[in-house]
Amino acid sequence: MTYPVDPAVAEALERAVGHGPPLTDAEWEQVTELHIAHARSLDGIARCRSLEMLILNGCDPVETGMLADLTGLAALVVNNSGLASLEGVEGLPLLQVDVSRNLVEDLSPLLKLSDVQNINVDGNPLSVESYERVIPELRRRGARVTCSERREWQLTLRLQEAGLPFCCYRKAGKVRLNSPGLRHTEVPEFGHPVVTENELERLLAENPDGVYELFARRDHM
């Protein structure tokens, strides 16, 4: 039987198996690691039942619910993507969860992961509940959690509340502006311009659409 897949998924499968789809049932089963970029559909991923590591970069949409049957998945990395919900991860044996630079608000599903050791939620518009209660609770349980500093987190919330397709995060001491997923750029993992908190705050107060001009600095990097 042929299972249609997104071209980006097909490319990842070809690297893993040695040829592109169609794959036999046995070949689907032998895939233990996939690195996928810019996929607009993850249909078929659930057939990789032996998957241990899944890396998604610049994919949109991403729904973790479709991973619920991947009972061997130990590492989930979703960066610069359109991931908005973590529902569905509760039953996975995850040791590492990196969902930096997405659109996640609710971290409570992570509280149901009994073995998770490393978590990265930097650059997400987390709810107040998630930032102020869930993250401290995860740390209390022994997980190493990386998240935005308070000012960047609050600016990210304000950007999203203003209806702007942007978040911000800090890297190497500098604040950068990014646009998760594929709604505003085809290469969301590249060209995050350096900005300052002050200029973001000024634009959000006076001219929110001016943030688009800040993001356009990527064209000159």
Protein backbone atom coordinates (compact mmCIF):
# COMPACT_ATOMS: atom_id res chain seq x y z
CA MET A 1 0.00 0.00 0.00
CA THR A 2 1.28 3.50 -0.82
CA TYR A 3 1.14 6.15 1.90
CA PRO A 4 1.36 9.69 0.52
CA VAL A 5 3.77 11.91 2.42
CA ASP A 6 4.93 15.50 2.26
CA PRO A 7 8.05 15.98 0.06
CA ALA A 8 10.05 17.06 3.12
CA VAL A 9 9.03 13.89 4.95
CA ALA A 10 9.88 11.81 1.88
CA GLU A 11 13.35 13.39 1.81
CA ALA A 12 13.89 12.54 5.48
CA LEU A 13 12.74 8.96 4.92
CA GLU A 14 15.12 8.62 1.98
CA ARG A 15 18.04 9.65 4.19
CA ALA A 16 16.94 7.16 6.83
CA VAL A 17 16.17 4.17 4.61
CA GLY A 18 18.23 4.73 1.48
CA HIS A 19 15.40 5.42 -0.94
CA GLY A 20 12.24 7.45 -1.04
CA PRO A 21 8.62 6.25 -0.73
CA PRO A 22 6.92 3.97 -1.27
CA LEU A 23 8.36 2.06 1.69
CA THR A 24 7.56 -1.46 2.78
CA ASP A 25 6.03 -2.01 6.21
CA ALA A 26 9.39 -3.35 7.40
CA GLU A 27 11.17 -0.20 6.21
CA TRP A 28 8.73 2.07 8.03
CA GLU A 29 9.38 0.01 11.15
CA GLN A 30 13.19 0.25 10.91
CA VAL A 31 13.32 4.06 11.05
CA THR A 32 14.60 5.17 14.46
CA GLU A 33 15.55 8.80 13.74
CA LEU A 34 14.09 11.45 11.46
CA HIS A 35 15.19 15.04 10.83
CA ILE A 36 12.54 16.94 8.85
CA ALA A 37 12.59 20.56 7.69
CA HIS A 38 9.80 22.71 6.21
CA ALA A 39 7.11 20.02 6.09
CA ARG A 40 3.53 21.19 5.79
CA SER A 41 2.14 17.78 6.68
CA LEU A 42 3.45 15.03 8.95
CA ASP A 43 1.12 12.36 7.62
CA GLY A 44 2.78 8.96 7.80
CA ILE A 45 5.07 9.69 10.75
CA ALA A 46 2.98 7.48 13.03
CA ARG A 47 3.99 4.48 10.87
CA CYS A 48 7.57 4.85 12.10
CA ARG A 49 6.72 2.92 15.23
CA SER A 50 10.36 2.36 16.20
CA LEU A 51 11.16 6.07 16.13
CA GLU A 52 13.39 7.13 19.02
CA MET A 53 14.31 10.67 17.95
CA LEU A 54 12.23 13.12 15.91
CA ILE A 55 13.65 16.51 14.92
CA LEU A 56 11.38 19.02 13.19
CA ASN A 57 12.59 22.42 12.05
CA GLY A 58 10.44 25.03 10.39
CA CYS A 59 7.44 22.74 10.02
CA ASP A 60 3.84 23.89 10.09
CA PRO A 61 1.40 22.66 11.22
CA VAL A 62 2.74 20.36 13.94
CA GLU A 63 0.43 18.41 16.22
CA THR A 64 1.97 16.24 18.93
CA GLY A 65 -1.23 14.24 19.19
CA MET A 66 -0.29 12.37 16.03
CA LEU A 67 2.83 11.05 17.82
CA ALA A 68 0.89 9.26 20.55
CA ASP A 69 1.61 5.79 19.11
CA LEU A 70 5.39 6.30 18.96
CA THR A 71 5.96 4.38 22.17
CA GLY A 72 9.77 4.40 21.85
CA LEU A 73 10.19 8.13 21.30
CA ALA A 74 12.83 9.40 23.73
CA ALA A 75 13.72 12.75 22.16
CA LEU A 76 11.36 15.27 20.55
CA VAL A 77 12.86 18.42 19.05
CA VAL A 78 10.52 20.91 17.39
CA ASN A 79 12.10 24.28 16.61
CA ASN A 80 10.95 27.36 14.67
CA SER A 81 7.66 25.64 13.88
CA GLY A 82 3.92 26.10 14.20
CA LEU A 83 3.54 23.88 17.26
CA ALA A 84 0.80 25.35 19.45
CA SER A 85 -0.16 22.48 21.75
CA LEU A 86 1.65 19.70 23.61
CA GLU A 87 -1.45 17.58 23.99
CA GLY A 88 -0.62 13.97 23.19
CA VAL A 89 2.87 13.77 24.67
CA GLU A 90 1.61 12.47 28.01
CA GLY A 91 2.07 8.79 27.25
CA LEU A 92 5.45 9.03 25.53
CA PRO A 93 8.70 7.92 27.22
CA LEU A 94 10.36 11.25 26.50
CA LEU A 95 13.69 12.10 28.12
CA GLN A 96 14.27 15.27 26.09
CA VAL A 97 11.72 17.83 24.89
CA ASP A 98 12.96 20.85 22.96
CA VAL A 99 10.13 23.00 21.64
CA SER A 100 11.98 26.29 21.50
CA ARG A 101 10.66 29.06 19.24
CA ASN A 102 7.13 27.81 18.68
CA LEU A 103 3.65 28.99 19.69
CA VAL A 104 3.12 26.86 22.80
CA GLU A 105 1.10 28.40 25.62
CA ASP A 106 0.25 25.48 27.91
CA LEU A 107 3.04 23.37 29.42
CA SER A 108 0.85 21.30 31.73
CA PRO A 109 1.09 18.13 29.54
CA LEU A 110 4.81 18.02 30.45
CA LEU A 111 3.87 17.42 34.08
CA LYS A 112 2.64 13.97 33.04
CA LEU A 113 6.05 12.92 31.70
CA SER A 114 7.61 10.88 34.47
CA ASP A 115 11.13 10.49 33.03
CA VAL A 116 11.79 13.77 31.22
CA GLN A 117 15.20 15.23 32.06
CA ASN A 118 15.80 18.15 29.69
CA ILE A 119 13.20 20.65 28.53
CA ASN A 120 13.63 23.75 26.36
CA VAL A 121 10.63 26.07 25.93
CA ASP A 122 12.55 29.25 25.08
CA GLY A 123 10.79 31.73 22.80
CA ASN A 124 7.19 30.60 23.29
CA PRO A 125 4.16 32.72 24.29
CA LEU A 126 3.67 30.73 27.49
CA SER A 127 0.68 31.43 29.69
CA VAL A 128 1.22 33.00 33.10
CA GLU A 129 0.24 29.66 34.65
CA SER A 130 2.86 27.81 32.63
CA TYR A 131 5.63 30.32 33.26
CA GLU A 132 5.03 30.91 36.95
CA ARG A 133 3.74 27.54 38.15
CA VAL A 134 4.46 24.70 35.69
CA ILE A 135 8.12 25.54 35.02
CA PRO A 136 9.00 25.79 38.74
CA GLU A 137 7.19 22.50 39.35
CA LEU A 138 9.09 20.75 36.57
CA ARG A 139 12.35 22.03 38.04
CA ARG A 140 11.30 20.90 41.51
CA ARG A 141 10.88 17.40 40.10
CA GLY A 142 14.43 17.43 38.79
CA ALA A 143 14.01 18.43 35.14
CA ARG A 144 16.46 20.91 33.64
CA VAL A 145 14.26 23.58 32.08
CA THR A 146 15.46 26.31 29.70
CA CYS A 147 13.03 29.16 29.15
CA SER A 148 12.93 32.83 28.20
CA GLU A 149 13.89 35.45 30.71
CA ARG A 150 10.88 37.30 32.08
CA ARG A 151 11.21 40.41 29.92
CA GLU A 152 11.54 38.47 26.65
CA TRP A 153 8.65 36.24 27.68
CA GLN A 154 6.42 39.23 28.38
CA LEU A 155 7.38 40.86 25.07
CA THR A 156 6.55 37.64 23.24
CA LEU A 157 3.12 37.61 24.87
CA ARG A 158 2.55 41.20 23.82
CA LEU A 159 3.61 40.47 20.23
CA GLN A 160 1.13 37.60 20.01
CA GLU A 161 -1.63 39.56 21.73
CA ALA A 162 -1.14 42.32 19.14
CA GLY A 163 -1.77 39.76 16.39
CA LEU A 164 1.81 39.91 15.13
CA PRO A 165 3.42 36.69 13.81
CA PHE A 166 6.52 37.10 15.95
CA CYS A 167 8.20 35.96 19.15
CA CYS A 168 11.51 36.97 20.70
CA TYR A 169 14.26 35.15 22.52
CA ARG A 170 17.76 35.79 23.83
CA LYS A 171 20.89 34.20 22.37
CA ALA A 172 24.48 35.01 23.30
CA GLY A 173 23.24 37.96 25.31
CA LYS A 174 21.29 39.51 22.43
CA VAL A 175 17.54 39.60 21.87
CA ARG A 176 16.41 38.26 18.52
CA LEU A 177 13.10 38.44 16.70
CA ASN A 178 11.70 35.36 14.99
CA SER A 179 8.53 34.21 13.27
CA PRO A 180 7.62 30.60 14.20
CA GLY A 181 6.17 28.34 11.54
CA LEU A 182 5.48 29.04 7.90
CA ARG A 183 2.75 31.67 8.16
CA HIS A 184 5.12 34.61 7.57
CA THR A 185 8.36 33.19 6.17
CA GLU A 186 9.43 30.09 4.29
CA VAL A 187 12.69 29.78 6.26
CA PRO A 188 11.73 30.45 9.89
CA GLU A 189 14.99 29.07 11.25
CA PHE A 190 17.20 31.67 9.54
CA GLY A 191 17.93 35.37 9.79
CA HIS A 192 16.56 36.26 13.22
CA PRO A 193 17.49 39.95 13.49
CA VAL A 194 18.98 41.39 16.66
CA VAL A 195 16.62 43.89 18.31
CA THR A 196 16.38 45.61 21.67
CA GLU A 197 13.67 45.30 24.26
CA ASN A 198 13.28 49.07 24.25
CA GLU A 199 12.56 49.35 20.53
CA LEU A 200 10.08 46.46 20.72
CA GLU A 201 8.30 48.07 23.66
CA ARG A 202 8.18 51.43 21.88
CA LEU A 203 6.72 49.96 18.71
CA LEU A 204 4.19 47.86 20.58
CA ALA A 205 3.01 51.00 22.35
CA GLU A 206 3.08 53.37 19.37
CA ASN A 207 3.14 51.45 16.09
CA PRO A 208 2.82 47.63 16.32
CA ASP A 209 3.05 47.20 12.54
CA GLY A 210 6.53 48.68 12.74
CA VAL A 211 7.71 45.33 14.10
CA TYR A 212 7.50 44.02 10.52
CA GLU A 213 10.23 46.50 9.59
CA LEU A 214 12.40 45.21 12.43
CA PHE A 215 11.99 41.68 11.16
CA ALA A 216 12.87 42.83 7.63
CA ARG A 217 16.43 43.42 8.86
CA ARG A 218 16.90 39.69 8.20
CA ASP A 219 17.13 40.57 4.52
CA HIS A 220 20.39 42.42 5.17
CA MET A 221 22.11 39.90 7.44
